[in-house]
């Protein structure tokens, strides 16, 4: 034992000189998540309204949630559930299973289907113009055409949308009224979800648990149709973002998948009780930019944080 004491003392001395062990790379990445948390908190502090956020790293599975299980009005963001059921029925039809509708089913424009904010369908010729269900879905995404949305609700069945959400365990996500049905809205039949549940829905779609290829890819191509929205506002042009915004008086929401190279992620930002809707839009854009900043670094860096940009051939 006496002979071992000098050896132990020597080892302890070497350990002290070496300093503490380097933290795991994962610990370093958590610093970036804390910065994101701080950025969201700063946005919330300056927002006169209620904010909900859900962000999911599709590579690691790590999440950020703020009021993740609070129910928020979805406005047009709820249309993601309608499109999910449309594609679900299209897949069933393709497998020879009886389904209420398919993407190729034809619709002839009818004047009685028009409602407020039907910017495209309202300009087509009733009784003459023929469209497929996928054409209608494109209008739903690109300009949030409410008449096209209502036609698709009739065609796929509101009860079928509800059934799909229930099967996925989304108990607080409900399509309960058509667009511009103010009577239903005044009676409390609002279209609702939570940040966590919209995130979960998009993740299931992304991972092919709602529809498989090639419909999965077509679904996200459709949802990535260029549109006026807030998640992409401060992000680089050309970045593929499959999202659906929604707006009502006092409400702004936007949920989507950002197909960032090496680090795709889901982001759902919801606001309600707003005194200024523009402030809600700015809050969504600010949080989206903060999330992009973090995932962009994670996607371009090594586990230690080293980034080698294209054209940088120097190593020091």
Protein backbone atom coordinates (compact mmCIF):
# COMPACT_ATOMS: atom_id res chain seq x y z
CA UNK A 1 0.00 0.00 0.00
CA UNK A 2 2.86 2.37 0.91
CA UNK A 3 4.38 1.77 -2.53
CA UNK A 4 1.08 2.62 -4.22
CA UNK A 5 0.63 5.97 -2.47
CA UNK A 6 3.35 7.83 -4.44
CA UNK A 7 1.95 6.40 -7.69
CA UNK A 8 -1.61 7.56 -6.85
CA UNK A 9 -0.32 10.98 -5.91
CA UNK A 10 1.50 11.22 -9.24
CA UNK A 11 -1.62 10.24 -11.19
CA UNK A 12 -3.73 12.81 -9.33
CA UNK A 13 -1.15 15.48 -10.12
CA UNK A 14 -1.25 14.62 -13.83
CA UNK A 15 -5.05 14.72 -13.82
CA UNK A 16 -5.03 18.13 -12.19
CA UNK A 17 -2.59 19.45 -14.78
CA UNK A 18 -4.71 18.07 -17.60
CA UNK A 19 -7.73 20.06 -16.39
CA UNK A 20 -11.38 18.99 -16.48
CA UNK A 21 -12.56 16.58 -19.16
CA UNK A 22 -13.98 18.17 -22.30
CA UNK A 23 -17.79 18.28 -22.17
CA UNK A 24 -19.61 16.00 -24.59
CA UNK A 25 -20.52 17.58 -27.92
CA UNK A 26 -24.18 17.23 -26.97
CA UNK A 27 -23.62 19.59 -24.02
CA UNK A 28 -22.32 22.25 -26.39
CA UNK A 29 -25.41 21.91 -28.57
CA UNK A 30 -27.63 22.43 -25.54
CA UNK A 31 -26.17 25.93 -25.24
CA UNK A 32 -27.67 26.71 -28.65
CA UNK A 33 -31.06 25.38 -27.52
CA UNK A 34 -30.84 27.63 -24.46
CA UNK A 35 -30.12 30.60 -26.73
CA UNK A 36 -33.24 29.68 -28.72
CA UNK A 37 -35.25 29.49 -25.51
CA UNK A 38 -34.01 32.95 -24.55
CA UNK A 39 -34.89 34.35 -27.99
CA UNK A 40 -38.44 32.99 -27.76
CA UNK A 41 -38.81 34.37 -24.26
CA UNK A 42 -37.74 37.80 -25.51
CA UNK A 43 -40.34 37.69 -28.31
CA UNK A 44 -43.01 36.66 -25.83
CA UNK A 45 -42.07 39.45 -23.43
CA UNK A 46 -42.75 42.07 -26.10
CA UNK A 47 -45.94 40.50 -27.50
CA UNK A 48 -49.29 41.79 -26.30
CA UNK A 49 -51.05 38.48 -26.66
CA UNK A 50 -50.66 34.77 -25.94
CA UNK A 51 -47.93 32.75 -27.64
CA UNK A 52 -47.54 29.01 -28.20
CA UNK A 53 -44.55 27.32 -29.84
CA UNK A 54 -43.51 23.80 -30.79
CA UNK A 55 -40.18 23.07 -32.51
CA UNK A 56 -38.89 19.60 -33.36
CA UNK A 57 -35.42 18.60 -34.55
CA UNK A 58 -36.21 15.85 -37.06
CA UNK A 59 -32.63 14.55 -36.81
CA UNK A 60 -32.27 14.19 -33.04
CA UNK A 61 -35.88 14.27 -31.86
CA UNK A 62 -35.20 17.11 -29.42
CA UNK A 63 -38.14 19.45 -28.86
CA UNK A 64 -38.85 22.94 -27.63
CA UNK A 65 -42.33 23.63 -26.31
CA UNK A 66 -43.99 26.76 -25.01
CA UNK A 67 -47.63 26.20 -24.02
CA UNK A 68 -47.37 23.08 -26.12
CA UNK A 69 -50.67 21.65 -24.91
CA UNK A 70 -52.71 24.85 -24.87
CA UNK A 71 -55.54 24.97 -27.43
CA UNK A 72 -55.25 27.75 -30.03
CA UNK A 73 -57.56 28.79 -32.89
CA UNK A 74 -55.95 27.60 -36.12
CA UNK A 75 -57.72 29.71 -38.76
CA UNK A 76 -56.50 28.42 -42.14
CA UNK A 77 -53.69 26.37 -40.59
CA UNK A 78 -56.35 23.73 -39.86
CA UNK A 79 -56.44 23.07 -43.61
CA UNK A 80 -53.38 20.85 -43.12
CA UNK A 81 -55.71 18.31 -41.50
CA UNK A 82 -58.05 18.45 -44.50
CA UNK A 83 -55.19 17.91 -46.93
CA UNK A 84 -53.86 15.04 -44.83
CA UNK A 85 -57.22 13.25 -45.09
CA UNK A 86 -57.45 14.00 -48.84
CA UNK A 87 -54.10 12.29 -49.40
CA UNK A 88 -55.01 9.49 -47.00
CA UNK A 89 -58.11 8.76 -49.08
CA UNK A 90 -56.05 9.01 -52.28
CA UNK A 91 -53.73 6.31 -50.98
CA UNK A 92 -56.65 4.11 -50.02
CA UNK A 93 -58.14 4.55 -53.47
CA UNK A 94 -54.80 3.65 -55.04
CA UNK A 95 -54.77 0.41 -53.08
CA UNK A 96 -58.22 -0.52 -54.29
CA UNK A 97 -59.83 0.34 -50.95
CA UNK A 98 -63.15 2.15 -51.17
CA UNK A 99 -62.59 5.85 -50.44
CA UNK A 100 -64.79 8.91 -50.57
CA UNK A 101 -62.49 10.80 -52.94
CA UNK A 102 -59.19 10.78 -54.83
CA UNK A 103 -56.81 13.46 -56.13
CA UNK A 104 -58.03 13.00 -59.71
CA UNK A 105 -61.77 13.35 -59.02
CA UNK A 106 -63.27 16.16 -61.10
CA UNK A 107 -65.24 19.16 -59.85
CA UNK A 108 -67.21 21.59 -62.01
CA UNK A 109 -67.25 25.13 -60.56
CA UNK A 110 -70.62 26.15 -59.10
CA UNK A 111 -71.60 29.72 -58.21
CA UNK A 112 -73.41 28.52 -55.07
CA UNK A 113 -70.12 27.22 -53.63
CA UNK A 114 -68.49 30.65 -53.54
CA UNK A 115 -67.82 32.36 -50.20
CA UNK A 116 -65.72 35.31 -49.05
CA UNK A 117 -61.99 35.04 -49.79
CA UNK A 118 -62.40 32.73 -52.78
CA UNK A 119 -59.92 34.65 -54.90
CA UNK A 120 -59.30 31.97 -57.53
CA UNK A 121 -62.46 29.91 -57.62
CA UNK A 122 -64.54 33.10 -57.75
CA UNK A 123 -62.81 34.12 -60.97
CA UNK A 124 -63.54 30.88 -62.85
CA UNK A 125 -66.56 30.17 -65.04
CA UNK A 126 -69.39 28.34 -63.23
CA UNK A 127 -70.75 25.33 -65.04
CA UNK A 128 -67.77 25.25 -67.41
CA UNK A 129 -64.43 25.15 -65.56
CA UNK A 130 -63.41 21.68 -64.41
CA UNK A 131 -60.82 21.06 -61.73
CA UNK A 132 -59.38 18.02 -59.99
CA UNK A 133 -59.31 17.67 -56.23
CA UNK A 134 -55.58 18.26 -56.39
CA UNK A 135 -56.21 21.52 -58.27
CA UNK A 136 -58.53 22.56 -55.45
CA UNK A 137 -55.90 21.58 -52.89
CA UNK A 138 -53.34 23.77 -54.66
CA UNK A 139 -55.73 26.73 -54.34
CA UNK A 140 -56.18 25.91 -50.66
CA UNK A 141 -52.43 26.14 -50.09
CA UNK A 142 -51.39 28.91 -52.46
CA UNK A 143 -54.08 31.50 -51.73
CA UNK A 144 -56.08 29.81 -48.96
CA UNK A 145 -59.14 29.85 -51.23
CA UNK A 146 -62.09 29.29 -48.88
CA UNK A 147 -64.55 28.03 -51.49
CA UNK A 148 -62.02 25.43 -52.66
CA UNK A 149 -61.55 24.43 -49.02
CA UNK A 150 -65.28 24.01 -48.44
CA UNK A 151 -65.69 21.93 -51.58
CA UNK A 152 -62.92 19.60 -50.39
CA UNK A 153 -64.49 19.39 -46.93
CA UNK A 154 -67.70 18.15 -48.57
CA UNK A 155 -65.77 15.76 -50.78
CA UNK A 156 -63.59 14.08 -48.15
CA UNK A 157 -66.07 14.43 -45.27
CA UNK A 158 -65.49 16.43 -42.10
CA UNK A 159 -66.15 13.31 -40.02
CA UNK A 160 -63.36 11.51 -41.87
CA UNK A 161 -60.92 14.30 -41.02
CA UNK A 162 -61.93 13.98 -37.38
CA UNK A 163 -61.52 10.21 -37.52
CA UNK A 164 -57.99 10.50 -38.90
CA UNK A 165 -56.99 12.94 -36.15
CA UNK A 166 -58.43 10.62 -33.51
CA UNK A 167 -56.55 7.64 -34.94
CA UNK A 168 -53.32 9.61 -34.63
CA UNK A 169 -54.08 10.46 -31.00
CA UNK A 170 -54.64 14.16 -31.69
CA UNK A 171 -57.47 14.76 -29.27
CA UNK A 172 -57.41 18.55 -29.36
CA UNK A 173 -57.17 18.98 -33.14
CA UNK A 174 -60.59 19.54 -34.68
CA UNK A 175 -61.97 20.70 -38.02
CA UNK A 176 -65.44 21.68 -36.78
CA UNK A 177 -66.74 24.17 -39.30
CA UNK A 178 -66.40 25.27 -42.90
CA UNK A 179 -64.59 28.44 -43.82
CA UNK A 180 -66.50 31.68 -43.27
CA UNK A 181 -69.24 29.93 -41.28
CA UNK A 182 -69.62 32.78 -38.81
CA UNK A 183 -72.70 31.26 -37.22
CA UNK A 184 -70.75 28.11 -36.28
CA UNK A 185 -67.85 30.22 -35.03
CA UNK A 186 -70.18 32.35 -32.88
CA UNK A 187 -71.54 29.13 -31.38
CA UNK A 188 -68.02 28.11 -30.34
CA UNK A 189 -67.38 25.59 -33.11
CA UNK A 190 -63.88 26.85 -33.82
CA UNK A 191 -61.17 24.99 -35.73
CA UNK A 192 -58.51 24.29 -33.12
CA UNK A 193 -55.29 22.48 -32.26
CA UNK A 194 -52.26 22.78 -29.98
CA UNK A 195 -48.63 23.50 -30.86
CA UNK A 196 -47.62 19.96 -29.88
CA UNK A 197 -50.41 18.30 -31.88
CA UNK A 198 -49.75 20.26 -35.07
CA UNK A 199 -46.08 19.38 -34.66
CA UNK A 200 -47.02 15.72 -34.20
CA UNK A 201 -49.28 15.74 -37.26
CA UNK A 202 -46.51 17.20 -39.43
CA UNK A 203 -43.99 14.72 -38.04
CA UNK A 204 -46.25 11.77 -38.86
CA UNK A 205 -46.70 13.12 -42.37
CA UNK A 206 -42.95 13.67 -42.71
CA UNK A 207 -42.08 10.15 -41.55
CA UNK A 208 -44.60 8.54 -43.91
CA UNK A 209 -47.01 7.39 -41.20
CA UNK A 210 -50.06 8.97 -42.87
CA UNK A 211 -49.30 8.25 -46.53
CA UNK A 212 -46.32 6.56 -48.16
CA UNK A 213 -44.38 7.46 -51.28
CA UNK A 214 -44.98 8.88 -53.83
CA UNK A 215 -47.99 10.60 -52.20
CA UNK A 216 -45.92 11.73 -49.22
CA UNK A 217 -43.54 13.65 -51.48
CA UNK A 218 -46.42 15.09 -53.49
CA UNK A 219 -48.12 16.22 -50.28
CA UNK A 220 -45.08 18.22 -49.21
CA UNK A 221 -44.55 19.59 -52.72
CA UNK A 222 -48.12 20.86 -52.54
CA UNK A 223 -47.69 22.31 -49.06
CA UNK A 224 -44.46 24.02 -50.18
CA UNK A 225 -46.33 25.95 -52.91
CA UNK A 226 -45.20 29.57 -52.79
CA UNK A 227 -47.51 31.64 -50.62
CA UNK A 228 -47.67 34.77 -48.48
CA UNK A 229 -46.77 33.55 -44.99
CA UNK A 230 -44.66 34.40 -41.94
CA UNK A 231 -42.41 31.43 -41.23
CA UNK A 232 -40.33 32.03 -44.41
CA UNK A 233 -40.30 35.83 -44.20
CA UNK A 234 -36.75 36.25 -42.82
CA UNK A 235 -35.27 32.99 -44.12
CA UNK A 236 -33.02 32.55 -47.19
CA UNK A 237 -34.80 32.50 -50.56
CA UNK A 238 -35.01 29.08 -52.16
CA UNK A 239 -35.28 27.21 -48.87
CA UNK A 240 -38.02 24.58 -49.14
CA UNK A 241 -40.68 25.26 -46.51
CA UNK A 242 -43.94 23.30 -46.45
CA UNK A 243 -46.26 25.36 -44.27
CA UNK A 244 -49.78 26.70 -43.87
CA UNK A 245 -50.46 30.04 -42.20
CA UNK A 246 -53.75 31.10 -40.68
CA UNK A 247 -55.28 34.45 -39.75
CA UNK A 248 -58.40 35.61 -37.94
CA UNK A 249 -59.17 38.71 -35.93
CA UNK A 250 -56.84 38.55 -32.92
CA UNK A 251 -55.21 35.35 -34.22
CA UNK A 252 -52.12 34.51 -36.28
CA UNK A 253 -50.65 31.02 -36.72
CA UNK A 254 -48.19 29.26 -38.99
CA UNK A 255 -47.02 25.63 -38.93
CA UNK A 256 -44.68 23.80 -41.25
CA UNK A 257 -41.65 21.68 -42.06
CA UNK A 258 -38.39 23.40 -42.98
CA UNK A 259 -36.36 21.13 -45.26
CA UNK A 260 -32.98 22.49 -44.22
CA UNK A 261 -30.05 20.48 -45.58
CA UNK A 262 -28.66 18.10 -42.94
CA UNK A 263 -31.03 19.42 -40.25
CA UNK A 264 -34.74 19.49 -41.21
CA UNK A 265 -37.11 20.64 -38.51
CA UNK A 266 -40.75 21.35 -37.73
CA UNK A 267 -41.90 24.68 -36.34
CA UNK A 268 -45.41 25.64 -35.20
CA UNK A 269 -46.03 29.12 -33.84
CA UNK A 270 -49.47 30.23 -32.68
CA UNK A 271 -50.72 33.53 -31.27
CA UNK A 272 -54.10 34.59 -29.95
CA UNK A 273 -55.70 37.42 -27.92
CA UNK A 274 -53.63 39.81 -30.02
CA UNK A 275 -54.26 43.52 -29.78
CA UNK A 276 -52.21 43.97 -32.95
CA UNK A 277 -52.25 41.19 -35.56
CA UNK A 278 -49.12 42.59 -37.26
CA UNK A 279 -47.27 42.08 -34.00
CA UNK A 280 -48.35 38.42 -34.06
CA UNK A 281 -47.00 38.04 -37.59
CA UNK A 282 -43.71 39.65 -36.58
CA UNK A 283 -43.48 37.32 -33.58
CA UNK A 284 -43.88 34.27 -35.81
CA UNK A 285 -41.20 35.54 -38.19
CA UNK A 286 -38.79 36.37 -35.37
CA UNK A 287 -39.10 32.94 -33.76
CA UNK A 288 -38.76 31.28 -37.16
CA UNK A 289 -35.54 33.22 -37.82
CA UNK A 290 -34.13 32.27 -34.40
CA UNK A 291 -34.91 28.59 -35.00
CA UNK A 292 -33.36 28.69 -38.46
CA UNK A 293 -30.21 30.29 -37.06
CA UNK A 294 -29.75 27.42 -34.62
CA UNK A 295 -30.53 24.58 -37.04
CA UNK A 296 -28.40 26.14 -39.78
CA UNK A 297 -25.37 26.07 -37.46
CA UNK A 298 -26.11 22.52 -36.35
CA UNK A 299 -26.49 21.41 -39.96
CA UNK A 300 -23.23 22.98 -41.18
CA UNK A 301 -20.99 22.26 -38.20
CA UNK A 302 -19.15 19.22 -36.90
CA UNK A 303 -20.04 17.83 -33.49
CA UNK A 304 -17.47 20.26 -32.06
CA UNK A 305 -18.91 23.29 -33.85
CA UNK A 306 -16.32 23.62 -36.60
CA UNK A 307 -17.78 24.90 -39.88
CA UNK A 308 -16.01 24.45 -43.21
CA UNK A 309 -17.79 26.62 -45.75
CA UNK A 310 -17.65 25.94 -49.50
CA UNK A 311 -14.47 27.40 -50.98
CA UNK A 312 -12.66 27.46 -47.66
CA UNK A 313 -9.61 25.29 -48.24
CA UNK A 314 -7.53 26.53 -45.34
CA UNK A 315 -7.11 24.39 -42.25
CA UNK A 316 -5.20 25.87 -39.33
